[in-house]
Amino acid sequence: MFLSIRRYDQVRSVGEVCRKIELSFVPLLKRQPGFIAYYAVDGGGGTMATVSVFSTEQMAVDSNELAADWLRRNVADLQPEPPTIVAGKVLVTGTP
């Protein structure tokens, strides 16, 4: 399992970005091969993070391009700065 974590700063409206993510980006991700899960987190103060979970490393990396393209087309006015990205293989998990 592989993750791509994207941190966004200076987001003008986290709520509006998340609303648009839920309406059009999540359905796009669900159609991608190897998709497992997606999360968006409000970090407060105009900071948010997203986590995309995929079955292979390449799929997780590809999700960054998909996200960048979606951002340009849908929320460029709300998200002026490119994200900081951390991606890699999940080494430790914990579940109930």
N, C-alpha and C. Protein backbone atom coordinates (compact mmCIF):
# COMPACT_ATOMS: atom_id res chain seq x y z
N MET A 1 0.85 -1.16 0.00
CA MET A 1 0.00 0.00 0.00
C MET A 1 0.90 1.23 0.00
N PHE A 2 0.52 2.24 -0.79
CA PHE A 2 1.31 3.45 -0.94
C PHE A 2 0.43 4.68 -0.72
N LEU A 3 1.03 5.70 -0.12
CA LEU A 3 0.32 6.94 0.16
C LEU A 3 0.96 8.11 -0.55
N SER A 4 0.15 9.08 -0.87
CA SER A 4 0.63 10.38 -1.28
C SER A 4 -0.06 11.39 -0.37
N ILE A 5 0.75 12.15 0.37
CA ILE A 5 0.22 13.15 1.29
C ILE A 5 0.60 14.52 0.72
N ARG A 6 -0.41 15.35 0.55
CA ARG A 6 -0.19 16.69 0.00
C ARG A 6 -0.64 17.72 1.04
N ARG A 7 0.27 18.62 1.38
CA ARG A 7 -0.05 19.69 2.35
C ARG A 7 -0.18 21.00 1.59
N TYR A 8 -1.29 21.68 1.82
CA TYR A 8 -1.59 22.95 1.17
C TYR A 8 -1.63 24.05 2.21
N ASP A 9 -0.96 25.16 1.92
CA ASP A 9 -0.97 26.32 2.81
C ASP A 9 -1.62 27.49 2.08
N GLN A 10 -2.05 28.47 2.85
CA GLN A 10 -2.67 29.69 2.33
C GLN A 10 -3.94 29.42 1.52
N VAL A 11 -4.67 28.38 1.91
CA VAL A 11 -5.94 28.07 1.25
C VAL A 11 -6.95 29.14 1.66
N ARG A 12 -7.59 29.74 0.70
CA ARG A 12 -8.51 30.85 0.99
C ARG A 12 -9.82 30.38 1.62
N SER A 13 -10.26 29.16 1.28
CA SER A 13 -11.48 28.61 1.88
C SER A 13 -11.37 27.08 1.86
N VAL A 14 -10.92 26.52 2.97
CA VAL A 14 -10.78 25.07 3.06
C VAL A 14 -12.14 24.40 2.86
N GLY A 15 -13.18 24.97 3.43
CA GLY A 15 -14.52 24.39 3.30
C GLY A 15 -14.97 24.32 1.85
N GLU A 16 -14.74 25.37 1.09
CA GLU A 16 -15.15 25.39 -0.31
C GLU A 16 -14.30 24.41 -1.15
N VAL A 17 -13.00 24.37 -0.88
CA VAL A 17 -12.14 23.42 -1.59
C VAL A 17 -12.61 22.00 -1.30
N CYS A 18 -12.89 21.70 -0.05
CA CYS A 18 -13.34 20.34 0.31
C CYS A 18 -14.69 20.01 -0.30
N ARG A 19 -15.57 20.99 -0.39
CA ARG A 19 -16.86 20.75 -1.04
C ARG A 19 -16.65 20.36 -2.50
N LYS A 20 -15.78 21.08 -3.18
CA LYS A 20 -15.50 20.77 -4.58
C LYS A 20 -14.76 19.44 -4.73
N ILE A 21 -13.87 19.14 -3.79
CA ILE A 21 -13.18 17.84 -3.80
C ILE A 21 -14.19 16.71 -3.72
N GLU A 22 -15.12 16.83 -2.79
CA GLU A 22 -16.12 15.78 -2.59
C GLU A 22 -17.00 15.59 -3.84
N LEU A 23 -17.34 16.70 -4.47
CA LEU A 23 -18.23 16.63 -5.64
C LEU A 23 -17.56 16.09 -6.89
N SER A 24 -16.31 16.47 -7.14
CA SER A 24 -15.74 16.07 -8.43
C SER A 24 -14.39 15.37 -8.38
N PHE A 25 -13.55 15.63 -7.36
CA PHE A 25 -12.26 14.96 -7.34
C PHE A 25 -12.34 13.54 -6.81
N VAL A 26 -13.09 13.34 -5.74
CA VAL A 26 -13.22 11.98 -5.18
C VAL A 26 -13.83 11.02 -6.21
N PRO A 27 -14.89 11.39 -6.93
CA PRO A 27 -15.39 10.48 -7.97
C PRO A 27 -14.34 10.17 -9.04
N LEU A 28 -13.50 11.15 -9.37
CA LEU A 28 -12.41 10.93 -10.32
C LEU A 28 -11.41 9.93 -9.78
N LEU A 29 -11.03 10.08 -8.52
CA LEU A 29 -10.09 9.14 -7.90
C LEU A 29 -10.65 7.73 -7.84
N LYS A 30 -11.93 7.62 -7.54
CA LYS A 30 -12.54 6.29 -7.41
C LYS A 30 -12.47 5.49 -8.71
N ARG A 31 -12.33 6.19 -9.83
CA ARG A 31 -12.23 5.50 -11.13
C ARG A 31 -10.79 5.10 -11.47
N GLN A 32 -9.82 5.50 -10.63
CA GLN A 32 -8.42 5.20 -10.92
C GLN A 32 -8.08 3.77 -10.48
N PRO A 33 -7.29 3.08 -11.29
CA PRO A 33 -6.86 1.73 -10.90
C PRO A 33 -6.09 1.76 -9.58
N GLY A 34 -6.35 0.80 -8.74
CA GLY A 34 -5.62 0.65 -7.50
C GLY A 34 -6.01 1.60 -6.38
N PHE A 35 -7.06 2.40 -6.60
CA PHE A 35 -7.50 3.35 -5.57
C PHE A 35 -8.01 2.59 -4.36
N ILE A 36 -7.59 3.03 -3.16
CA ILE A 36 -8.04 2.42 -1.92
C ILE A 36 -8.83 3.41 -1.07
N ALA A 37 -8.28 4.61 -0.86
CA ALA A 37 -8.96 5.57 0.01
C ALA A 37 -8.44 6.98 -0.24
N TYR A 38 -9.20 7.96 0.24
CA TYR A 38 -8.81 9.36 0.14
C TYR A 38 -9.33 10.09 1.36
N TYR A 39 -8.53 11.01 1.88
CA TYR A 39 -8.92 11.81 3.04
C TYR A 39 -8.50 13.26 2.80
N ALA A 40 -9.31 14.20 3.25
CA ALA A 40 -8.95 15.62 3.25
C ALA A 40 -9.09 16.11 4.69
N VAL A 41 -8.10 16.85 5.16
CA VAL A 41 -8.04 17.27 6.56
C VAL A 41 -7.89 18.78 6.63
N ASP A 42 -8.71 19.41 7.46
CA ASP A 42 -8.60 20.84 7.72
C ASP A 42 -7.61 21.02 8.87
N GLY A 43 -6.45 21.60 8.58
CA GLY A 43 -5.44 21.81 9.60
C GLY A 43 -5.57 23.13 10.34
N GLY A 44 -6.57 23.93 9.94
CA GLY A 44 -6.78 25.22 10.58
C GLY A 44 -5.87 26.29 10.00
N GLY A 45 -6.31 27.52 10.08
CA GLY A 45 -5.49 28.64 9.64
C GLY A 45 -5.15 28.63 8.17
N GLY A 46 -6.03 28.08 7.32
CA GLY A 46 -5.77 28.06 5.89
C GLY A 46 -4.84 26.94 5.45
N THR A 47 -4.63 25.97 6.32
CA THR A 47 -3.80 24.81 5.98
C THR A 47 -4.69 23.58 5.87
N MET A 48 -4.44 22.78 4.85
CA MET A 48 -5.15 21.51 4.73
C MET A 48 -4.19 20.47 4.18
N ALA A 49 -4.55 19.23 4.36
CA ALA A 49 -3.76 18.12 3.82
C ALA A 49 -4.71 17.12 3.21
N THR A 50 -4.21 16.42 2.20
CA THR A 50 -4.98 15.33 1.61
C THR A 50 -4.10 14.09 1.60
N VAL A 51 -4.75 12.95 1.70
CA VAL A 51 -4.06 11.67 1.68
C VAL A 51 -4.74 10.78 0.65
N SER A 52 -3.98 10.34 -0.31
CA SER A 52 -4.48 9.39 -1.31
C SER A 52 -3.79 8.05 -1.07
N VAL A 53 -4.57 6.99 -1.04
CA VAL A 53 -4.04 5.66 -0.77
C VAL A 53 -4.28 4.79 -2.00
N PHE A 54 -3.20 4.17 -2.48
CA PHE A 54 -3.26 3.32 -3.67
C PHE A 54 -2.50 2.02 -3.44
N SER A 55 -2.74 1.06 -4.30
CA SER A 55 -2.11 -0.25 -4.15
C SER A 55 -0.68 -0.29 -4.64
N THR A 56 -0.28 0.61 -5.55
CA THR A 56 1.11 0.61 -6.04
C THR A 56 1.71 2.00 -5.93
N GLU A 57 3.03 2.04 -5.92
CA GLU A 57 3.74 3.31 -5.83
C GLU A 57 3.44 4.20 -7.03
N GLN A 58 3.47 3.64 -8.22
CA GLN A 58 3.23 4.44 -9.41
C GLN A 58 1.84 5.06 -9.40
N MET A 59 0.86 4.32 -8.94
CA MET A 59 -0.49 4.86 -8.86
C MET A 59 -0.57 6.03 -7.88
N ALA A 60 0.13 5.93 -6.76
CA ALA A 60 0.16 7.03 -5.79
C ALA A 60 0.85 8.25 -6.38
N VAL A 61 1.96 8.04 -7.07
CA VAL A 61 2.67 9.14 -7.72
C VAL A 61 1.80 9.77 -8.80
N ASP A 62 1.15 8.95 -9.59
CA ASP A 62 0.26 9.46 -10.64
C ASP A 62 -0.87 10.30 -10.06
N SER A 63 -1.31 9.98 -8.85
CA SER A 63 -2.39 10.75 -8.25
C SER A 63 -1.98 12.20 -7.99
N ASN A 64 -0.68 12.45 -7.84
CA ASN A 64 -0.22 13.83 -7.65
C ASN A 64 -0.45 14.66 -8.90
N GLU A 65 -0.19 14.09 -10.07
CA GLU A 65 -0.46 14.79 -11.32
C GLU A 65 -1.95 15.00 -11.53
N LEU A 66 -2.72 13.99 -11.20
CA LEU A 66 -4.17 14.08 -11.30
C LEU A 66 -4.69 15.21 -10.40
N ALA A 67 -4.16 15.27 -9.17
CA ALA A 67 -4.57 16.31 -8.22
C ALA A 67 -4.15 17.70 -8.71
N ALA A 68 -2.93 17.81 -9.22
CA ALA A 68 -2.45 19.11 -9.70
C ALA A 68 -3.31 19.62 -10.84
N ASP A 69 -3.65 18.73 -11.77
CA ASP A 69 -4.49 19.12 -12.89
C ASP A 69 -5.88 19.53 -12.41
N TRP A 70 -6.44 18.76 -11.50
CA TRP A 70 -7.77 19.07 -10.97
C TRP A 70 -7.75 20.42 -10.25
N LEU A 71 -6.72 20.67 -9.45
CA LEU A 71 -6.61 21.95 -8.74
C LEU A 71 -6.58 23.12 -9.71
N ARG A 72 -5.77 23.02 -10.76
CA ARG A 72 -5.68 24.10 -11.75
C ARG A 72 -7.04 24.39 -12.38
N ARG A 73 -7.78 23.35 -12.66
CA ARG A 73 -9.06 23.52 -13.35
C ARG A 73 -10.21 23.92 -12.43
N ASN A 74 -10.11 23.60 -11.13
CA ASN A 74 -11.28 23.75 -10.26
C ASN A 74 -11.15 24.70 -9.08
N VAL A 75 -9.95 24.85 -8.54
CA VAL A 75 -9.83 25.68 -7.33
C VAL A 75 -8.58 26.56 -7.32
N ALA A 76 -8.07 26.91 -8.48
CA ALA A 76 -6.86 27.73 -8.55
C ALA A 76 -7.03 29.05 -7.80
N ASP A 77 -8.23 29.61 -7.82
CA ASP A 77 -8.48 30.87 -7.13
C ASP A 77 -8.51 30.72 -5.62
N LEU A 78 -8.72 29.51 -5.13
CA LEU A 78 -8.80 29.26 -3.68
C LEU A 78 -7.52 28.67 -3.12
N GLN A 79 -6.68 28.12 -3.99
CA GLN A 79 -5.46 27.44 -3.57
C GLN A 79 -4.28 27.98 -4.39
N PRO A 80 -3.70 29.11 -3.95
CA PRO A 80 -2.67 29.75 -4.76
C PRO A 80 -1.29 29.10 -4.74
N GLU A 81 -0.97 28.36 -3.71
CA GLU A 81 0.36 27.78 -3.56
C GLU A 81 0.37 26.30 -3.92
N PRO A 82 1.42 25.82 -4.58
CA PRO A 82 1.51 24.38 -4.83
C PRO A 82 1.74 23.64 -3.51
N PRO A 83 1.32 22.38 -3.44
CA PRO A 83 1.46 21.64 -2.19
C PRO A 83 2.88 21.13 -1.96
N THR A 84 3.14 20.83 -0.70
CA THR A 84 4.31 20.05 -0.33
C THR A 84 3.85 18.60 -0.37
N ILE A 85 4.61 17.73 -1.03
CA ILE A 85 4.18 16.35 -1.23
C ILE A 85 5.15 15.38 -0.58
N VAL A 86 4.60 14.41 0.14
CA VAL A 86 5.35 13.28 0.67
C VAL A 86 4.64 12.04 0.17
N ALA A 87 5.38 11.15 -0.47
CA ALA A 87 4.76 9.93 -1.00
C ALA A 87 5.68 8.76 -0.71
N GLY A 88 5.07 7.61 -0.50
CA GLY A 88 5.90 6.43 -0.27
C GLY A 88 5.10 5.22 0.19
N LYS A 89 5.84 4.18 0.46
CA LYS A 89 5.25 2.92 0.89
C LYS A 89 4.87 3.00 2.36
N VAL A 90 3.72 2.45 2.68
CA VAL A 90 3.28 2.38 4.08
C VAL A 90 4.09 1.28 4.76
N LEU A 91 4.80 1.66 5.83
CA LEU A 91 5.64 0.70 6.54
C LEU A 91 5.02 0.19 7.83
N VAL A 92 4.15 1.00 8.43
CA VAL A 92 3.50 0.61 9.69
C VAL A 92 2.03 0.99 9.60
N THR A 93 1.17 0.09 10.01
CA THR A 93 -0.26 0.39 10.10
C THR A 93 -0.75 -0.03 11.48
N GLY A 94 -1.81 0.58 11.90
CA GLY A 94 -2.44 0.20 13.16
C GLY A 94 -3.95 0.28 12.99
N THR A 95 -4.62 -0.79 13.27
CA THR A 95 -6.08 -0.83 13.18
C THR A 95 -6.62 -1.47 14.44
N PRO A 96 -7.87 -1.19 14.77
CA PRO A 96 -8.45 -1.78 15.99
C PRO A 96 -8.48 -3.30 15.93
